Amino acid sequence: MHEDEGSSDKLQAMLDVIAGSMPSSPGGHTDLGRLRADAVSAATVLVEFYGDAALERARLLERRSPQSHFARMVTVELSGRGKVSS
């Protein structure tokens, strides 16, 4: 796959902002419900940008950020949607 680095960098930055925008609950624990909702939002953005290639892009972002639990959640969300329509 030929990768558009600029586009991938912009999407990675958007995913990082979404993942970093969630407030921690009292005690410093991450709100998993909010994280899941953010993953759904990020998956929706990928679908809007890439249509049928959204899952492939999510996997690319996950490979570029292998320690990112959020990136894995986005990939799982897209995987669960089955075939994506553009």
PDB file of N, CA and C in Angstrom:
ATOM      1  N   MET A   1       0.853  -1.178   0.000  1.00  0.00           N
ATOM      2  CA  MET A   1       0.000   0.000   0.000  1.00  0.00           C
ATOM      3  C   MET A   1       0.891   1.231   0.000  1.00  0.00           C
ATOM      4  N   HIS A   2       0.573   2.179  -0.859  1.00  0.00           N
ATOM      5  CA  HIS A   2       1.293   3.444  -0.865  1.00  0.00           C
ATOM      6  C   HIS A   2       0.659   4.343   0.179  1.00  0.00           C
ATOM      7  N   GLU A   3       1.460   4.787   1.097  1.00  0.00           N
ATOM      8  CA  GLU A   3       0.971   5.540   2.259  1.00  0.00           C
ATOM      9  C   GLU A   3       1.184   7.023   2.054  1.00  0.00           C
ATOM     10  N   ASP A   4       0.162   7.806   2.254  1.00  0.00           N
ATOM     11  CA  ASP A   4       0.261   9.258   2.216  1.00  0.00           C
ATOM     12  C   ASP A   4       0.654   9.710   3.615  1.00  0.00           C
ATOM     13  N   GLU A   5       1.958   9.966   3.815  1.00  0.00           N
ATOM     14  CA  GLU A   5       2.473  10.277   5.152  1.00  0.00           C
ATOM     15  C   GLU A   5       1.787  11.477   5.780  1.00  0.00           C
ATOM     16  N   GLY A   6       1.584  12.534   5.005  1.00  0.00           N
ATOM     17  CA  GLY A   6       0.951  13.725   5.565  1.00  0.00           C
ATOM     18  C   GLY A   6      -0.440  13.434   6.081  1.00  0.00           C
ATOM     19  N   SER A   7      -1.198  12.698   5.313  1.00  0.00           N
ATOM     20  CA  SER A   7      -2.561  12.344   5.705  1.00  0.00           C
ATOM     21  C   SER A   7      -2.543  11.456   6.945  1.00  0.00           C
ATOM     22  N   SER A   8      -1.654  10.483   6.972  1.00  0.00           N
ATOM     23  CA  SER A   8      -1.556   9.589   8.130  1.00  0.00           C
ATOM     24  C   SER A   8      -1.137  10.353   9.381  1.00  0.00           C
ATOM     25  N   ASP A   9      -0.197  11.284   9.214  1.00  0.00           N
ATOM     26  CA  ASP A   9       0.248  12.080  10.350  1.00  0.00           C
ATOM     27  C   ASP A   9      -0.892  12.922  10.907  1.00  0.00           C
ATOM     28  N   LYS A  10      -1.705  13.503  10.030  1.00  0.00           N
ATOM     29  CA  LYS A  10      -2.847  14.311  10.480  1.00  0.00           C
ATOM     30  C   LYS A  10      -3.866  13.447  11.211  1.00  0.00           C
ATOM     31  N   LEU A  11      -4.148  12.270  10.669  1.00  0.00           N
ATOM     32  CA  LEU A  11      -5.104  11.379  11.333  1.00  0.00           C
ATOM     33  C   LEU A  11      -4.556  10.873  12.654  1.00  0.00           C
ATOM     34  N   GLN A  12      -3.262  10.558  12.698  1.00  0.00           N
ATOM     35  CA  GLN A  12      -2.668  10.114  13.965  1.00  0.00           C
ATOM     36  C   GLN A  12      -2.774  11.225  14.998  1.00  0.00           C
ATOM     37  N   ALA A  13      -2.529  12.454  14.576  1.00  0.00           N
ATOM     38  CA  ALA A  13      -2.638  13.589  15.502  1.00  0.00           C
ATOM     39  C   ALA A  13      -4.077  13.724  16.002  1.00  0.00           C
ATOM     40  N   MET A  14      -5.057  13.536  15.108  1.00  0.00           N
ATOM     41  CA  MET A  14      -6.461  13.621  15.507  1.00  0.00           C
ATOM     42  C   MET A  14      -6.794  12.522  16.512  1.00  0.00           C
ATOM     43  N   LEU A  15      -6.327  11.305  16.252  1.00  0.00           N
ATOM     44  CA  LEU A  15      -6.590  10.202  17.177  1.00  0.00           C
ATOM     45  C   LEU A  15      -5.947  10.456  18.526  1.00  0.00           C
ATOM     46  N   ASP A  16      -4.731  11.020  18.509  1.00  0.00           N
ATOM     47  CA  ASP A  16      -4.046  11.333  19.762  1.00  0.00           C
ATOM     48  C   ASP A  16      -4.808  12.388  20.557  1.00  0.00           C
ATOM     49  N   VAL A  17      -5.360  13.382  19.857  1.00  0.00           N
ATOM     50  CA  VAL A  17      -6.132  14.428  20.541  1.00  0.00           C
ATOM     51  C   VAL A  17      -7.380  13.829  21.167  1.00  0.00           C
ATOM     52  N   ILE A  18      -8.084  12.981  20.413  1.00  0.00           N
ATOM     53  CA  ILE A  18      -9.289  12.343  20.959  1.00  0.00           C
ATOM     54  C   ILE A  18      -8.927  11.516  22.184  1.00  0.00           C
ATOM     55  N   ALA A  19      -7.886  10.702  22.080  1.00  0.00           N
ATOM     56  CA  ALA A  19      -7.497   9.837  23.192  1.00  0.00           C
ATOM     57  C   ALA A  19      -7.022  10.644  24.389  1.00  0.00           C
ATOM     58  N   GLY A  20      -6.359  11.762  24.146  1.00  0.00           N
ATOM     59  CA  GLY A  20      -5.836  12.578  25.233  1.00  0.00           C
ATOM     60  C   GLY A  20      -6.841  13.527  25.829  1.00  0.00           C
ATOM     61  N   SER A  21      -7.987  13.686  25.176  1.00  0.00           N
ATOM     62  CA  SER A  21      -8.967  14.657  25.648  1.00  0.00           C
ATOM     63  C   SER A  21      -9.866  14.108  26.743  1.00  0.00           C
ATOM     64  N   MET A  22      -9.812  12.810  26.952  1.00  0.00           N
ATOM     65  CA  MET A  22     -10.721  12.244  27.942  1.00  0.00           C
ATOM     66  C   MET A  22     -10.230  12.536  29.356  1.00  0.00           C
ATOM     67  N   PRO A  23     -11.128  12.993  30.181  1.00  0.00           N
ATOM     68  CA  PRO A  23     -10.732  13.265  31.567  1.00  0.00           C
ATOM     69  C   PRO A  23     -10.599  11.967  32.348  1.00  0.00           C
ATOM     70  N   SER A  24      -9.699  11.971  33.275  1.00  0.00           N
ATOM     71  CA  SER A  24      -9.577  10.830  34.177  1.00  0.00           C
ATOM     72  C   SER A  24     -10.626  10.975  35.266  1.00  0.00           C
ATOM     73  N   SER A  25     -11.078   9.860  35.740  1.00  0.00           N
ATOM     74  CA  SER A  25     -12.031   9.897  36.838  1.00  0.00           C
ATOM     75  C   SER A  25     -11.259  10.211  38.127  1.00  0.00           C
ATOM     76  N   PRO A  26     -11.961  10.555  39.193  1.00  0.00           N
ATOM     77  CA  PRO A  26     -11.260  10.788  40.460  1.00  0.00           C
ATOM     78  C   PRO A  26     -10.414   9.570  40.813  1.00  0.00           C
ATOM     79  N   GLY A  27      -9.211   9.802  41.251  1.00  0.00           N
ATOM     80  CA  GLY A  27      -8.310   8.709  41.563  1.00  0.00           C
ATOM     81  C   GLY A  27      -7.352   8.415  40.421  1.00  0.00           C
ATOM     82  N   GLY A  28      -7.494   9.135  39.285  1.00  0.00           N
ATOM     83  CA  GLY A  28      -6.565   8.996  38.180  1.00  0.00           C
ATOM     84  C   GLY A  28      -6.833   7.840  37.242  1.00  0.00           C
ATOM     85  N   HIS A  29      -7.979   7.165  37.356  1.00  0.00           N
ATOM     86  CA  HIS A  29      -8.290   6.050  36.478  1.00  0.00           C
ATOM     87  C   HIS A  29      -8.981   6.553  35.227  1.00  0.00           C
ATOM     88  N   THR A  30      -8.657   5.932  34.112  1.00  0.00           N
ATOM     89  CA  THR A  30      -9.259   6.300  32.847  1.00  0.00           C
ATOM     90  C   THR A  30     -10.709   5.836  32.816  1.00  0.00           C
ATOM     91  N   ASP A  31     -11.577   6.670  32.276  1.00  0.00           N
ATOM     92  CA  ASP A  31     -12.979   6.329  32.093  1.00  0.00           C
ATOM     93  C   ASP A  31     -13.091   5.463  30.833  1.00  0.00           C
ATOM     94  N   LEU A  32     -13.221   4.144  31.010  1.00  0.00           N
ATOM     95  CA  LEU A  32     -13.245   3.236  29.870  1.00  0.00           C
ATOM     96  C   LEU A  32     -14.447   3.459  28.968  1.00  0.00           C
ATOM     97  N   GLY A  33     -15.570   3.849  29.539  1.00  0.00           N
ATOM     98  CA  GLY A  33     -16.740   4.151  28.719  1.00  0.00           C
ATOM     99  C   GLY A  33     -16.458   5.308  27.773  1.00  0.00           C
ATOM    100  N   ARG A  34     -15.805   6.313  28.299  1.00  0.00           N
ATOM    101  CA  ARG A  34     -15.438   7.470  27.468  1.00  0.00           C
ATOM    102  C   ARG A  34     -14.408   7.073  26.420  1.00  0.00           C
ATOM    103  N   LEU A  35     -13.439   6.239  26.798  1.00  0.00           N
ATOM    104  CA  LEU A  35     -12.429   5.779  25.849  1.00  0.00           C
ATOM    105  C   LEU A  35     -13.083   5.008  24.711  1.00  0.00           C
ATOM    106  N   ARG A  36     -14.037   4.151  25.034  1.00  0.00           N
ATOM    107  CA  ARG A  36     -14.759   3.405  23.990  1.00  0.00           C
ATOM    108  C   ARG A  36     -15.537   4.352  23.087  1.00  0.00           C
ATOM    109  N   ALA A  37     -16.200   5.331  23.664  1.00  0.00           N
ATOM    110  CA  ALA A  37     -16.946   6.307  22.864  1.00  0.00           C
ATOM    111  C   ALA A  37     -16.003   7.084  21.947  1.00  0.00           C
ATOM    112  N   ASP A  38     -14.832   7.447  22.457  1.00  0.00           N
ATOM    113  CA  ASP A  38     -13.846   8.142  21.637  1.00  0.00           C
ATOM    114  C   ASP A  38     -13.333   7.249  20.511  1.00  0.00           C
ATOM    115  N   ALA A  39     -13.175   5.957  20.784  1.00  0.00           N
ATOM    116  CA  ALA A  39     -12.741   5.021  19.746  1.00  0.00           C
ATOM    117  C   ALA A  39     -13.796   4.917  18.649  1.00  0.00           C
ATOM    118  N   VAL A  40     -15.063   4.914  19.034  1.00  0.00           N
ATOM    119  CA  VAL A  40     -16.147   4.890  18.049  1.00  0.00           C
ATOM    120  C   VAL A  40     -16.101   6.164  17.204  1.00  0.00           C
ATOM    121  N   SER A  41     -15.891   7.311  17.850  1.00  0.00           N
ATOM    122  CA  SER A  41     -15.790   8.584  17.119  1.00  0.00           C
ATOM    123  C   SER A  41     -14.621   8.565  16.146  1.00  0.00           C
ATOM    124  N   ALA A  42     -13.482   8.072  16.590  1.00  0.00           N
ATOM    125  CA  ALA A  42     -12.308   8.012  15.725  1.00  0.00           C
ATOM    126  C   ALA A  42     -12.545   7.056  14.556  1.00  0.00           C
ATOM    127  N   ALA A  43     -13.201   5.933  14.814  1.00  0.00           N
ATOM    128  CA  ALA A  43     -13.515   4.985  13.741  1.00  0.00           C
ATOM    129  C   ALA A  43     -14.433   5.639  12.714  1.00  0.00           C
ATOM    130  N   THR A  44     -15.388   6.417  13.185  1.00  0.00           N
ATOM    131  CA  THR A  44     -16.300   7.113  12.282  1.00  0.00           C
ATOM    132  C   THR A  44     -15.548   8.105  11.405  1.00  0.00           C
ATOM    133  N   VAL A  45     -14.595   8.819  11.991  1.00  0.00           N
ATOM    134  CA  VAL A  45     -13.785   9.765  11.213  1.00  0.00           C
ATOM    135  C   VAL A  45     -12.985   9.012  10.152  1.00  0.00           C
ATOM    136  N   LEU A  46     -12.395   7.886  10.511  1.00  0.00           N
ATOM    137  CA  LEU A  46     -11.646   7.100   9.529  1.00  0.00           C
ATOM    138  C   LEU A  46     -12.546   6.644   8.385  1.00  0.00           C
ATOM    139  N   VAL A  47     -13.770   6.241   8.701  1.00  0.00           N
ATOM    140  CA  VAL A  47     -14.719   5.833   7.658  1.00  0.00           C
ATOM    141  C   VAL A  47     -15.025   7.019   6.746  1.00  0.00           C
ATOM    142  N   GLU A  48     -15.226   8.196   7.335  1.00  0.00           N
ATOM    143  CA  GLU A  48     -15.513   9.384   6.530  1.00  0.00           C
ATOM    144  C   GLU A  48     -14.350   9.712   5.599  1.00  0.00           C
ATOM    145  N   PHE A  49     -13.109   9.575   6.088  1.00  0.00           N
ATOM    146  CA  PHE A  49     -11.934   9.895   5.280  1.00  0.00           C
ATOM    147  C   PHE A  49     -11.632   8.814   4.246  1.00  0.00           C
ATOM    148  N   TYR A  50     -11.747   7.543   4.639  1.00  0.00           N
ATOM    149  CA  TYR A  50     -11.213   6.463   3.817  1.00  0.00           C
ATOM    150  C   TYR A  50     -12.226   5.440   3.318  1.00  0.00           C
ATOM    151  N   GLY A  51     -13.471   5.514   3.739  1.00  0.00           N
ATOM    152  CA  GLY A  51     -14.474   4.565   3.267  1.00  0.00           C
ATOM    153  C   GLY A  51     -14.056   3.134   3.526  1.00  0.00           C
ATOM    154  N   ASP A  52     -14.030   2.317   2.460  1.00  0.00           N
ATOM    155  CA  ASP A  52     -13.695   0.893   2.589  1.00  0.00           C
ATOM    156  C   ASP A  52     -12.269   0.658   3.058  1.00  0.00           C
ATOM    157  N   ALA A  53     -11.392   1.635   2.932  1.00  0.00           N
ATOM    158  CA  ALA A  53      -9.998   1.479   3.354  1.00  0.00           C
ATOM    159  C   ALA A  53      -9.792   1.884   4.816  1.00  0.00           C
ATOM    160  N   ALA A  54     -10.864   2.200   5.532  1.00  0.00           N
ATOM    161  CA  ALA A  54     -10.749   2.678   6.914  1.00  0.00           C
ATOM    162  C   ALA A  54     -10.083   1.647   7.827  1.00  0.00           C
ATOM    163  N   LEU A  55     -10.462   0.390   7.699  1.00  0.00           N
ATOM    164  CA  LEU A  55      -9.871  -0.645   8.559  1.00  0.00           C
ATOM    165  C   LEU A  55      -8.383  -0.790   8.257  1.00  0.00           C
ATOM    166  N   GLU A  56      -8.013  -0.750   6.994  1.00  0.00           N
ATOM    167  CA  GLU A  56      -6.603  -0.827   6.618  1.00  0.00           C
ATOM    168  C   GLU A  56      -5.828   0.350   7.225  1.00  0.00           C
ATOM    169  N   ARG A  57      -6.403   1.537   7.199  1.00  0.00           N
ATOM    170  CA  ARG A  57      -5.766   2.713   7.792  1.00  0.00           C
ATOM    171  C   ARG A  57      -5.646   2.580   9.302  1.00  0.00           C
ATOM    172  N   ALA A  58      -6.692   2.058   9.942  1.00  0.00           N
ATOM    173  CA  ALA A  58      -6.640   1.869  11.390  1.00  0.00           C
ATOM    174  C   ALA A  58      -5.509   0.905  11.751  1.00  0.00           C
ATOM    175  N   ARG A  59      -5.376  -0.152  10.978  1.00  0.00           N
ATOM    176  CA  ARG A  59      -4.289  -1.111  11.232  1.00  0.00           C
ATOM    177  C   ARG A  59      -2.928  -0.455  11.026  1.00  0.00           C
ATOM    178  N   LEU A  60      -2.817   0.416  10.027  1.00  0.00           N
ATOM    179  CA  LEU A  60      -1.572   1.144   9.796  1.00  0.00           C
ATOM    180  C   LEU A  60      -1.248   2.024  11.002  1.00  0.00           C
ATOM    181  N   LEU A  61      -2.236   2.756  11.488  1.00  0.00           N
ATOM    182  CA  LEU A  61      -2.020   3.616  12.654  1.00  0.00           C
ATOM    183  C   LEU A  61      -1.651   2.783  13.878  1.00  0.00           C
ATOM    184  N   GLU A  62      -2.272   1.622  14.007  1.00  0.00           N
ATOM    185  CA  GLU A  62      -1.951   0.741  15.142  1.00  0.00           C
ATOM    186  C   GLU A  62      -0.506   0.244  15.046  1.00  0.00           C
ATOM    187  N   ARG A  63      -0.071  -0.104  13.837  1.00  0.00           N
ATOM    188  CA  ARG A  63       1.321  -0.551  13.666  1.00  0.00           C
ATOM    189  C   ARG A  63       2.304   0.580  13.972  1.00  0.00           C
ATOM    190  N   ARG A  64       1.916   1.812  13.671  1.00  0.00           N
ATOM    191  CA  ARG A  64       2.793   2.957  13.928  1.00  0.00           C
ATOM    192  C   ARG A  64       2.824   3.322  15.406  1.00  0.00           C
ATOM    193  N   SER A  65       1.826   2.886  16.151  1.00  0.00           N
ATOM    194  CA  SER A  65       1.751   3.166  17.592  1.00  0.00           C
ATOM    195  C   SER A  65       1.456   1.869  18.336  1.00  0.00           C
ATOM    196  N   PRO A  66       2.393   0.934  18.327  1.00  0.00           N
ATOM    197  CA  PRO A  66       2.104  -0.402  18.872  1.00  0.00           C
ATOM    198  C   PRO A  66       1.757  -0.423  20.356  1.00  0.00           C
ATOM    199  N   GLN A  67       2.121   0.583  21.108  1.00  0.00           N
ATOM    200  CA  GLN A  67       1.805   0.613  22.534  1.00  0.00           C
ATOM    201  C   GLN A  67       0.461   1.276  22.823  1.00  0.00           C
ATOM    202  N   SER A  68      -0.216   1.751  21.774  1.00  0.00           N
ATOM    203  CA  SER A  68      -1.452   2.503  21.966  1.00  0.00           C
ATOM    204  C   SER A  68      -2.662   1.585  22.110  1.00  0.00           C
ATOM    205  N   HIS A  69      -3.178   1.509  23.311  1.00  0.00           N
ATOM    206  CA  HIS A  69      -4.409   0.754  23.551  1.00  0.00           C
ATOM    207  C   HIS A  69      -5.556   1.385  22.768  1.00  0.00           C
ATOM    208  N   PHE A  70      -5.558   2.704  22.676  1.00  0.00           N
ATOM    209  CA  PHE A  70      -6.606   3.416  21.949  1.00  0.00           C
ATOM    210  C   PHE A  70      -6.601   3.026  20.463  1.00  0.00           C
ATOM    211  N   ALA A  71      -5.437   2.958  19.845  1.00  0.00           N
ATOM    212  CA  ALA A  71      -5.351   2.572  18.431  1.00  0.00           C
ATOM    213  C   ALA A  71      -5.919   1.169  18.229  1.00  0.00           C
ATOM    214  N   ARG A  72      -5.627   0.263  19.174  1.00  0.00           N
ATOM    215  CA  ARG A  72      -6.191  -1.090  19.087  1.00  0.00           C
ATOM    216  C   ARG A  72      -7.711  -1.053  19.206  1.00  0.00           C
ATOM    217  N   MET A  73      -8.225  -0.207  20.083  1.00  0.00           N
ATOM    218  CA  MET A  73      -9.684  -0.106  20.256  1.00  0.00           C
ATOM    219  C   MET A  73     -10.352   0.393  18.972  1.00  0.00           C
ATOM    220  N   VAL A  74      -9.722   1.335  18.286  1.00  0.00           N
ATOM    221  CA  VAL A  74     -10.271   1.846  17.026  1.00  0.00           C
ATOM    222  C   VAL A  74     -10.297   0.730  15.988  1.00  0.00           C
ATOM    223  N   THR A  75      -9.219  -0.036  15.905  1.00  0.00           N
ATOM    224  CA  THR A  75      -9.160  -1.152  14.955  1.00  0.00           C
ATOM    225  C   THR A  75     -10.242  -2.178  15.263  1.00  0.00           C
ATOM    226  N   VAL A  76     -10.424  -2.504  16.525  1.00  0.00           N
ATOM    227  CA  VAL A  76     -11.464  -3.465  16.919  1.00  0.00           C
ATOM    228  C   VAL A  76     -12.846  -2.930  16.550  1.00  0.00           C
ATOM    229  N   GLU A  77     -13.073  -1.660  16.797  1.00  0.00           N
ATOM    230  CA  GLU A  77     -14.359  -1.048  16.451  1.00  0.00           C
ATOM    231  C   GLU A  77     -14.634  -1.173  14.957  1.00  0.00           C
ATOM    232  N   LEU A  78     -13.644  -0.871  14.138  1.00  0.00           N
ATOM    233  CA  LEU A  78     -13.826  -0.968  12.696  1.00  0.00           C
ATOM    234  C   LEU A  78     -13.985  -2.424  12.264  1.00  0.00           C
ATOM    235  N   SER A  79     -13.254  -3.327  12.880  1.00  0.00           N
ATOM    236  CA  SER A  79     -13.365  -4.741  12.550  1.00  0.00           C
ATOM    237  C   SER A  79     -14.779  -5.257  12.818  1.00  0.00           C
ATOM    238  N   GLY A  80     -15.385  -4.767  13.880  1.00  0.00           N
ATOM    239  CA  GLY A  80     -16.726  -5.175  14.255  1.00  0.00           C
ATOM    240  C   GLY A  80     -17.821  -4.645  13.337  1.00  0.00           C
ATOM    241  N   ARG A  81     -17.481  -3.651  12.561  1.00  0.00           N
ATOM    242  CA  ARG A  81     -18.480  -3.064  11.660  1.00  0.00           C
ATOM    243  C   ARG A  81     -18.652  -3.855  10.380  1.00  0.00           C
ATOM    244  N   GLY A  82     -17.742  -4.771  10.092  1.00  0.00           N
ATOM    245  CA  GLY A  82     -17.821  -5.523   8.845  1.00  0.00           C
ATOM    246  C   GLY A  82     -17.458  -4.642   7.672  1.00  0.00           C
ATOM    247  N   LYS A  83     -18.052  -4.886   6.527  1.00  0.00           N
ATOM    248  CA  LYS A  83     -17.738  -4.095   5.332  1.00  0.00           C
ATOM    249  C   LYS A  83     -18.223  -2.679   5.537  1.00  0.00           C
ATOM    250  N   VAL A  84     -17.326  -1.747   5.266  1.00  0.00           N
ATOM    251  CA  VAL A  84     -17.604  -0.328   5.469  1.00  0.00           C
ATOM    252  C   VAL A  84     -18.039   0.272   4.147  1.00  0.00           C
ATOM    253  N   SER A  85     -19.096   1.043   4.167  1.00  0.00           N
ATOM    254  CA  SER A  85     -19.548   1.737   2.957  1.00  0.00           C
ATOM    255  C   SER A  85     -18.987   3.138   2.944  1.00  0.00           C
ATOM    256  N   SER A  86     -18.677   3.638   1.752  1.00  0.00           N
ATOM    257  CA  SER A  86     -18.187   5.014   1.671  1.00  0.00           C
ATOM    258  C   SER A  86     -19.301   5.965   1.351  1.00  0.00           C
TER     259      SER A  86
END
